[in-house]
């Protein structure tokens, strides 16, 4: 599963899909959340692994308000692919048991 995520991220980087996601999220991040544009990159990395997103936010110079907003956003609203895969696996197992 880890190899699949790393390969998927590599494919997204080569095909510039990551940049497209960052550009799509930038207006939301800068306008609504009042965070710097670079926070969009952290949120995209948070899709792959939540700790990658947190590390990206740690590298930014944020005000205390921005720290709270960014951490709440990445914790509650950015789904991690690994979490989604585990949820899908457990759901299938429960359905197959019945």
Protein backbone atom coordinates (compact mmCIF):
# COMPACT_ATOMS: atom_id res chain seq x y z
CA UNK A 1 0.00 0.00 0.00
CA UNK A 2 2.87 2.39 0.80
CA UNK A 3 4.51 1.68 -2.55
CA UNK A 4 1.23 2.37 -4.31
CA UNK A 5 0.87 5.75 -2.58
CA UNK A 6 4.44 6.73 -3.38
CA UNK A 7 4.06 5.66 -6.97
CA UNK A 8 0.76 7.52 -7.23
CA UNK A 9 2.33 10.70 -5.89
CA UNK A 10 5.25 10.32 -8.30
CA UNK A 11 2.88 9.93 -11.24
CA UNK A 12 0.91 12.98 -10.09
CA UNK A 13 4.12 15.02 -9.84
CA UNK A 14 5.40 13.95 -13.27
CA UNK A 15 2.07 14.68 -14.93
CA UNK A 16 1.78 18.02 -13.08
CA UNK A 17 -1.53 16.95 -11.52
CA UNK A 18 -0.25 18.12 -8.13
CA UNK A 19 0.23 21.62 -9.54
CA UNK A 20 -3.32 21.59 -10.91
CA UNK A 21 -4.68 20.65 -7.47
CA UNK A 22 -2.57 23.35 -5.84
CA UNK A 23 -3.85 25.97 -8.28
CA UNK A 24 -7.44 24.86 -7.73
CA UNK A 25 -7.08 25.07 -3.95
CA UNK A 26 -5.14 28.36 -3.87
CA UNK A 27 -8.15 30.74 -4.07
CA UNK A 28 -9.91 28.85 -1.28
CA UNK A 29 -6.79 28.79 0.87
CA UNK A 30 -5.86 32.44 0.40
CA UNK A 31 -9.34 33.94 0.21
CA UNK A 32 -11.54 31.99 2.58
CA UNK A 33 -9.02 30.51 5.03
CA UNK A 34 -6.71 33.56 4.98
CA UNK A 35 -3.61 31.38 4.71
CA UNK A 36 -0.57 31.89 2.48
CA UNK A 37 -0.70 30.33 -0.99
CA UNK A 38 1.97 27.79 0.01
CA UNK A 39 -0.52 26.20 2.43
CA UNK A 40 -2.33 24.75 -0.60
CA UNK A 41 0.78 22.64 -1.23
CA UNK A 42 0.64 21.34 2.34
CA UNK A 43 -3.03 20.40 1.93
CA UNK A 44 -2.30 18.51 -1.29
CA UNK A 45 0.52 16.63 0.45
CA UNK A 46 -1.91 15.95 3.30
CA UNK A 47 -4.04 13.99 0.84
CA UNK A 48 -1.21 11.50 0.45
CA UNK A 49 -0.15 11.36 4.10
CA UNK A 50 -1.44 13.55 6.86
CA UNK A 51 2.01 13.94 8.44
CA UNK A 52 3.36 15.27 5.12
CA UNK A 53 0.73 17.99 5.24
CA UNK A 54 1.53 18.84 8.85
CA UNK A 55 5.24 19.03 8.01
CA UNK A 56 4.44 21.40 5.14
CA UNK A 57 2.45 23.64 7.47
CA UNK A 58 5.24 23.55 10.05
CA UNK A 59 7.67 24.97 7.49
CA UNK A 60 5.50 28.07 6.93
CA UNK A 61 5.72 31.24 8.99
CA UNK A 62 2.13 31.46 10.25
CA UNK A 63 0.43 33.69 12.80
CA UNK A 64 -1.24 31.96 15.78
CA UNK A 65 -4.64 32.42 14.09
CA UNK A 66 -3.36 30.83 10.87
CA UNK A 67 -1.87 27.90 12.80
CA UNK A 68 -5.25 27.12 14.38
CA UNK A 69 -7.11 27.47 11.07
CA UNK A 70 -4.62 25.32 9.15
CA UNK A 71 -4.48 22.55 11.75
CA UNK A 72 -8.25 22.38 12.11
CA UNK A 73 -8.60 22.28 8.33
CA UNK A 74 -6.05 19.54 7.78
CA UNK A 75 -7.37 17.49 10.70
CA UNK A 76 -11.08 17.68 9.94
CA UNK A 77 -11.47 18.39 6.25
CA UNK A 78 -8.52 16.96 4.31
CA UNK A 79 -9.11 13.23 3.79
CA UNK A 80 -5.99 11.11 3.79
CA UNK A 81 -5.89 8.51 1.02
CA UNK A 82 -4.72 5.88 3.50
CA UNK A 83 -7.72 6.57 5.73
CA UNK A 84 -10.08 6.30 2.80
CA UNK A 85 -8.50 3.01 1.70
CA UNK A 86 -8.80 1.52 5.19
CA UNK A 87 -12.41 2.67 5.40
CA UNK A 88 -13.21 1.11 2.02
CA UNK A 89 -11.48 -2.13 3.01
CA UNK A 90 -13.39 -2.39 6.28
CA UNK A 91 -16.68 -1.58 4.59
CA UNK A 92 -16.16 -4.33 2.02
CA UNK A 93 -15.24 -6.83 4.74
CA UNK A 94 -18.40 -6.06 6.68
CA UNK A 95 -20.56 -6.37 3.60
CA UNK A 96 -18.97 -9.67 2.62
CA UNK A 97 -19.51 -11.06 6.13
CA UNK A 98 -23.27 -10.59 5.91
